[in-house]
Amino acid sequence: MSNTPNRASNSANKPRRKTANLELSTTRQMLPLIKSIVSDIVTSRLTLNRLAPEQEQLERHRRELMWQERQRRYQLGEEIKTAEQSLTAALTELNALGVTLIDDEFGEVDFPTKINGRSAAFNWRMGEDRIAHWHYSGEEQRRAIPADWDHAPAVLRYRSQP
């Protein structure tokens, strides 16, 4: 099975890079591409989760397998390798866009920004039509994006509501 964690926040071995601060309008323009990438990630993760038990079963009994089962074992290895490569490519693409994957099973991502001078993120989950939530870094609570953030002057933009 893949050693890729279900929670993509484990980045201890990755080099640090400067975090982009994305405007709300930019994140909304990026969303169609992000939806496609996240769909690929979720599909790859589901494929890996579906194939892993069968592969583990065949590996445990690999010395007793009949030819058809051996053939299936090799086929599974190729399918898993393909899914892992697809997952890696999609994660790399998402990372290059400056977007952080929060959950690869449910397709949740953060778009880094600053709100009230603090690190924050606009948040989107697969299945949502648009980016409608945000949170400060380190918080899990999703807050609704106020309607006036779309129309506020740049100086006043992203002032949180009391």
C-alpha atoms as a PDB file:
ATOM      1  CA  MET A   1       0.000   0.000   0.000  1.00  0.00           C
ATOM      2  CA  SER A   2       1.041   3.587  -0.457  1.00  0.00           C
ATOM      3  CA  ASN A   3       2.844   5.380   2.326  1.00  0.00           C
ATOM      4  CA  THR A   4       1.075   8.604   1.361  1.00  0.00           C
ATOM      5  CA  PRO A   5      -0.730   9.921   4.464  1.00  0.00           C
ATOM      6  CA  ASN A   6      -4.456  10.583   4.416  1.00  0.00           C
ATOM      7  CA  ARG A   7      -3.888  13.985   5.956  1.00  0.00           C
ATOM      8  CA  ALA A   8      -1.692  15.968   3.620  1.00  0.00           C
ATOM      9  CA  SER A   9      -0.507  18.376   6.302  1.00  0.00           C
ATOM     10  CA  ASN A  10       2.525  16.205   7.108  1.00  0.00           C
ATOM     11  CA  SER A  11       5.249  18.190   5.402  1.00  0.00           C
ATOM     12  CA  ALA A  12       8.237  17.595   7.695  1.00  0.00           C
ATOM     13  CA  ASN A  13      10.467  16.505   4.819  1.00  0.00           C
ATOM     14  CA  LYS A  14       9.431  19.206   2.381  1.00  0.00           C
ATOM     15  CA  PRO A  15      11.457  22.398   2.018  1.00  0.00           C
ATOM     16  CA  ARG A  16       9.749  25.530   3.276  1.00  0.00           C
ATOM     17  CA  ARG A  17       8.694  28.047   0.666  1.00  0.00           C
ATOM     18  CA  LYS A  18       7.229  31.478   0.980  1.00  0.00           C
ATOM     19  CA  THR A  19       3.463  31.341   1.316  1.00  0.00           C
ATOM     20  CA  ALA A  20       1.498  33.326  -1.235  1.00  0.00           C
ATOM     21  CA  ASN A  21      -1.268  35.614  -0.051  1.00  0.00           C
ATOM     22  CA  LEU A  22      -4.118  35.170  -2.468  1.00  0.00           C
ATOM     23  CA  GLU A  23      -6.936  37.662  -2.986  1.00  0.00           C
ATOM     24  CA  LEU A  24     -10.496  36.358  -2.789  1.00  0.00           C
ATOM     25  CA  SER A  25     -11.115  37.217  -6.445  1.00  0.00           C
ATOM     26  CA  THR A  26      -7.993  35.283  -7.446  1.00  0.00           C
ATOM     27  CA  THR A  27      -9.030  32.201  -5.480  1.00  0.00           C
ATOM     28  CA  ARG A  28     -12.432  32.263  -7.097  1.00  0.00           C
ATOM     29  CA  GLN A  29     -10.842  32.462 -10.557  1.00  0.00           C
ATOM     30  CA  MET A  30      -8.591  29.523  -9.668  1.00  0.00           C
ATOM     31  CA  LEU A  31     -11.459  27.363  -8.443  1.00  0.00           C
ATOM     32  CA  PRO A  32     -12.323  25.538 -11.704  1.00  0.00           C
ATOM     33  CA  LEU A  33      -8.720  24.330 -12.014  1.00  0.00           C
ATOM     34  CA  ILE A  34      -8.544  23.498  -8.293  1.00  0.00           C
ATOM     35  CA  LYS A  35     -11.782  21.485  -8.553  1.00  0.00           C
ATOM     36  CA  SER A  36     -10.250  19.378 -11.311  1.00  0.00           C
ATOM     37  CA  ILE A  37      -6.999  18.804  -9.428  1.00  0.00           C
ATOM     38  CA  VAL A  38      -8.793  17.961  -6.177  1.00  0.00           C
ATOM     39  CA  SER A  39     -11.071  15.555  -8.036  1.00  0.00           C
ATOM     40  CA  ASP A  40      -7.968  13.764  -9.334  1.00  0.00           C
ATOM     41  CA  ILE A  41      -6.540  13.619  -5.811  1.00  0.00           C
ATOM     42  CA  VAL A  42      -9.717  12.223  -4.280  1.00  0.00           C
ATOM     43  CA  THR A  43     -10.104   9.680  -7.090  1.00  0.00           C
ATOM     44  CA  SER A  44      -6.499   8.532  -6.661  1.00  0.00           C
ATOM     45  CA  ARG A  45      -6.917   8.243  -2.889  1.00  0.00           C
ATOM     46  CA  LEU A  46     -10.143   6.257  -3.271  1.00  0.00           C
ATOM     47  CA  THR A  47      -8.444   3.953  -5.770  1.00  0.00           C
ATOM     48  CA  LEU A  48      -5.526   3.355  -3.412  1.00  0.00           C
ATOM     49  CA  ASN A  49      -7.876   2.722  -0.484  1.00  0.00           C
ATOM     50  CA  ARG A  50      -9.923   0.286  -2.572  1.00  0.00           C
ATOM     51  CA  LEU A  51      -6.938  -1.668  -3.891  1.00  0.00           C
ATOM     52  CA  ALA A  52      -4.877  -1.829  -0.700  1.00  0.00           C
ATOM     53  CA  PRO A  53      -6.815  -4.590   1.115  1.00  0.00           C
ATOM     54  CA  GLU A  54      -6.750  -6.852  -1.931  1.00  0.00           C
ATOM     55  CA  GLN A  55      -3.031  -6.242  -2.414  1.00  0.00           C
ATOM     56  CA  GLU A  56      -2.322  -6.969   1.266  1.00  0.00           C
ATOM     57  CA  GLN A  57      -4.310 -10.213   1.049  1.00  0.00           C
ATOM     58  CA  LEU A  58      -2.436 -11.347  -2.055  1.00  0.00           C
ATOM     59  CA  GLU A  59       0.922 -10.375  -0.535  1.00  0.00           C
ATOM     60  CA  ARG A  60       0.232 -12.397   2.621  1.00  0.00           C
ATOM     61  CA  HIS A  61      -0.448 -15.508   0.533  1.00  0.00           C
ATOM     62  CA  ARG A  62       1.940 -14.863  -2.349  1.00  0.00           C
ATOM     63  CA  ARG A  63       3.677 -18.262  -2.019  1.00  0.00           C
ATOM     64  CA  GLU A  64       0.396 -20.184  -2.364  1.00  0.00           C
ATOM     65  CA  LEU A  65      -1.136 -18.237  -5.237  1.00  0.00           C
ATOM     66  CA  MET A  66      -2.413 -19.864  -8.384  1.00  0.00           C
ATOM     67  CA  TRP A  67      -1.409 -18.336 -11.703  1.00  0.00           C
ATOM     68  CA  GLN A  68      -4.526 -16.137 -12.031  1.00  0.00           C
ATOM     69  CA  GLU A  69      -4.008 -14.782  -8.514  1.00  0.00           C
ATOM     70  CA  ARG A  70      -0.324 -14.104  -9.261  1.00  0.00           C
ATOM     71  CA  GLN A  71      -1.354 -12.281 -12.388  1.00  0.00           C
ATOM     72  CA  ARG A  72      -3.859 -10.224 -10.378  1.00  0.00           C
ATOM     73  CA  ARG A  73      -1.122  -9.425  -7.830  1.00  0.00           C
ATOM     74  CA  TYR A  74       1.092  -7.995 -10.587  1.00  0.00           C
ATOM     75  CA  GLN A  75      -1.840  -6.128 -12.115  1.00  0.00           C
ATOM     76  CA  LEU A  76      -2.683  -4.605  -8.722  1.00  0.00           C
ATOM     77  CA  GLY A  77       0.909  -3.465  -8.351  1.00  0.00           C
ATOM     78  CA  GLU A  78       0.664  -1.606 -11.654  1.00  0.00           C
ATOM     79  CA  GLU A  79      -2.715  -0.079 -10.799  1.00  0.00           C
ATOM     80  CA  ILE A  80      -1.392   1.112  -7.441  1.00  0.00           C
ATOM     81  CA  LYS A  81       1.741   2.525  -9.027  1.00  0.00           C
ATOM     82  CA  THR A  82      -0.391   4.451 -11.551  1.00  0.00           C
ATOM     83  CA  ALA A  83      -2.695   5.802  -8.818  1.00  0.00           C
ATOM     84  CA  GLU A  84       0.304   6.861  -6.698  1.00  0.00           C
ATOM     85  CA  GLN A  85       1.873   8.653  -9.672  1.00  0.00           C
ATOM     86  CA  SER A  86      -1.413  10.429 -10.397  1.00  0.00           C
ATOM     87  CA  LEU A  87      -1.741  11.440  -6.749  1.00  0.00           C
ATOM     88  CA  THR A  88       1.832  12.739  -6.647  1.00  0.00           C
ATOM     89  CA  ALA A  89       1.389  14.727  -9.870  1.00  0.00           C
ATOM     90  CA  ALA A  90      -1.849  16.322  -8.640  1.00  0.00           C
ATOM     91  CA  LEU A  91      -0.322  17.190  -5.259  1.00  0.00           C
ATOM     92  CA  THR A  92       2.670  18.754  -6.999  1.00  0.00           C
ATOM     93  CA  GLU A  93       0.376  20.827  -9.214  1.00  0.00           C
ATOM     94  CA  LEU A  94      -1.682  21.987  -6.237  1.00  0.00           C
ATOM     95  CA  ASN A  95       1.475  22.894  -4.330  1.00  0.00           C
ATOM     96  CA  ALA A  96       2.813  24.854  -7.309  1.00  0.00           C
ATOM     97  CA  LEU A  97      -0.373  26.949  -7.258  1.00  0.00           C
ATOM     98  CA  GLY A  98       0.219  27.812  -3.605  1.00  0.00           C
ATOM     99  CA  VAL A  99      -2.855  25.934  -2.419  1.00  0.00           C
ATOM    100  CA  THR A 100      -2.704  23.619   0.611  1.00  0.00           C
ATOM    101  CA  LEU A 101      -4.485  20.279   0.654  1.00  0.00           C
ATOM    102  CA  ILE A 102      -6.145  19.768   4.038  1.00  0.00           C
ATOM    103  CA  ASP A 103      -7.899  16.454   3.448  1.00  0.00           C
ATOM    104  CA  ASP A 104      -7.296  14.180   0.469  1.00  0.00           C
ATOM    105  CA  GLU A 105     -10.275  11.908   1.092  1.00  0.00           C
ATOM    106  CA  PHE A 106     -12.894  14.648   1.230  1.00  0.00           C
ATOM    107  CA  GLY A 107     -11.152  17.179  -1.001  1.00  0.00           C
ATOM    108  CA  GLU A 108     -10.644  20.156   1.288  1.00  0.00           C
ATOM    109  CA  VAL A 109      -8.140  22.886   0.422  1.00  0.00           C
ATOM    110  CA  ASP A 110      -6.924  26.188   1.825  1.00  0.00           C
ATOM    111  CA  PHE A 111      -5.937  29.248  -0.191  1.00  0.00           C
ATOM    112  CA  PRO A 112      -3.478  31.253   1.952  1.00  0.00           C
ATOM    113  CA  THR A 113      -4.223  34.921   2.597  1.00  0.00           C
ATOM    114  CA  LYS A 114      -3.992  37.585   5.267  1.00  0.00           C
ATOM    115  CA  ILE A 115      -7.008  38.826   7.218  1.00  0.00           C
ATOM    116  CA  ASN A 116      -6.600  41.638   9.728  1.00  0.00           C
ATOM    117  CA  GLY A 117      -2.840  41.262   9.272  1.00  0.00           C
ATOM    118  CA  ARG A 118      -2.956  37.628  10.430  1.00  0.00           C
ATOM    119  CA  SER A 119      -2.238  34.499   8.440  1.00  0.00           C
ATOM    120  CA  ALA A 120      -5.495  32.999   7.290  1.00  0.00           C
ATOM    121  CA  ALA A 121      -6.963  30.980   4.456  1.00  0.00           C
ATOM    122  CA  PHE A 122      -9.984  30.881   2.234  1.00  0.00           C
ATOM    123  CA  ASN A 123     -11.346  27.344   2.474  1.00  0.00           C
ATOM    124  CA  TRP A 124     -13.133  25.177  -0.066  1.00  0.00           C
ATOM    125  CA  ARG A 125     -14.420  21.603   0.099  1.00  0.00           C
ATOM    126  CA  MET A 126     -15.237  19.373  -2.827  1.00  0.00           C
ATOM    127  CA  GLY A 127     -18.928  19.601  -3.636  1.00  0.00           C
ATOM    128  CA  GLU A 128     -19.219  23.285  -2.800  1.00  0.00           C
ATOM    129  CA  ASP A 129     -20.102  25.571  -5.700  1.00  0.00           C
ATOM    130  CA  ARG A 130     -17.836  28.433  -4.693  1.00  0.00           C
ATOM    131  CA  ILE A 131     -15.362  29.598  -2.097  1.00  0.00           C
ATOM    132  CA  ALA A 132     -17.574  30.830   0.715  1.00  0.00           C
ATOM    133  CA  HIS A 133     -15.531  30.210   3.892  1.00  0.00           C
ATOM    134  CA  TRP A 134     -12.350  31.342   5.581  1.00  0.00           C
ATOM    135  CA  HIS A 135     -10.446  30.753   8.826  1.00  0.00           C
ATOM    136  CA  TYR A 136      -7.370  32.032  10.627  1.00  0.00           C
ATOM    137  CA  SER A 137      -4.298  29.783  10.439  1.00  0.00           C
ATOM    138  CA  GLY A 138      -4.378  27.187  13.170  1.00  0.00           C
ATOM    139  CA  GLU A 139      -8.157  27.324  13.507  1.00  0.00           C
ATOM    140  CA  GLU A 140     -10.502  24.654  12.231  1.00  0.00           C
ATOM    141  CA  GLN A 141     -13.675  26.745  12.493  1.00  0.00           C
ATOM    142  CA  ARG A 142     -14.873  27.763   9.042  1.00  0.00           C
ATOM    143  CA  ARG A 143     -16.425  31.222   8.918  1.00  0.00           C
ATOM    144  CA  ALA A 144     -18.684  32.486   6.171  1.00  0.00           C
ATOM    145  CA  ILE A 145     -17.092  35.077   3.902  1.00  0.00           C
ATOM    146  CA  PRO A 146     -19.020  38.345   4.335  1.00  0.00           C
ATOM    147  CA  ALA A 147     -20.651  39.627   1.155  1.00  0.00           C
ATOM    148  CA  ASP A 148     -18.958  43.019   1.488  1.00  0.00           C
ATOM    149  CA  TRP A 149     -15.484  41.460   1.039  1.00  0.00           C
ATOM    150  CA  ASP A 150     -16.171  41.180  -2.683  1.00  0.00           C
ATOM    151  CA  HIS A 151     -16.864  44.883  -3.016  1.00  0.00           C
ATOM    152  CA  ALA A 152     -14.683  46.530  -0.353  1.00  0.00           C
ATOM    153  CA  PRO A 153     -11.765  48.782  -1.385  1.00  0.00           C
ATOM    154  CA  ALA A 154      -8.382  47.019  -1.219  1.00  0.00           C
ATOM    155  CA  VAL A 155      -7.396  48.912   1.960  1.00  0.00           C
ATOM    156  CA  LEU A 156     -10.480  47.707   3.842  1.00  0.00           C
ATOM    157  CA  ARG A 157     -10.614  44.263   2.315  1.00  0.00           C
ATOM    158  CA  TYR A 158     -10.695  41.229   4.604  1.00  0.00           C
ATOM    159  CA  ARG A 159     -11.464  42.884   7.896  1.00  0.00           C
ATOM    160  CA  SER A 160     -13.158  40.211   9.951  1.00  0.00           C
ATOM    161  CA  GLN A 161     -16.601  40.831  11.320  1.00  0.00           C
ATOM    162  CA  PRO A 162     -17.103  40.880  15.123  1.00  0.00           C
END
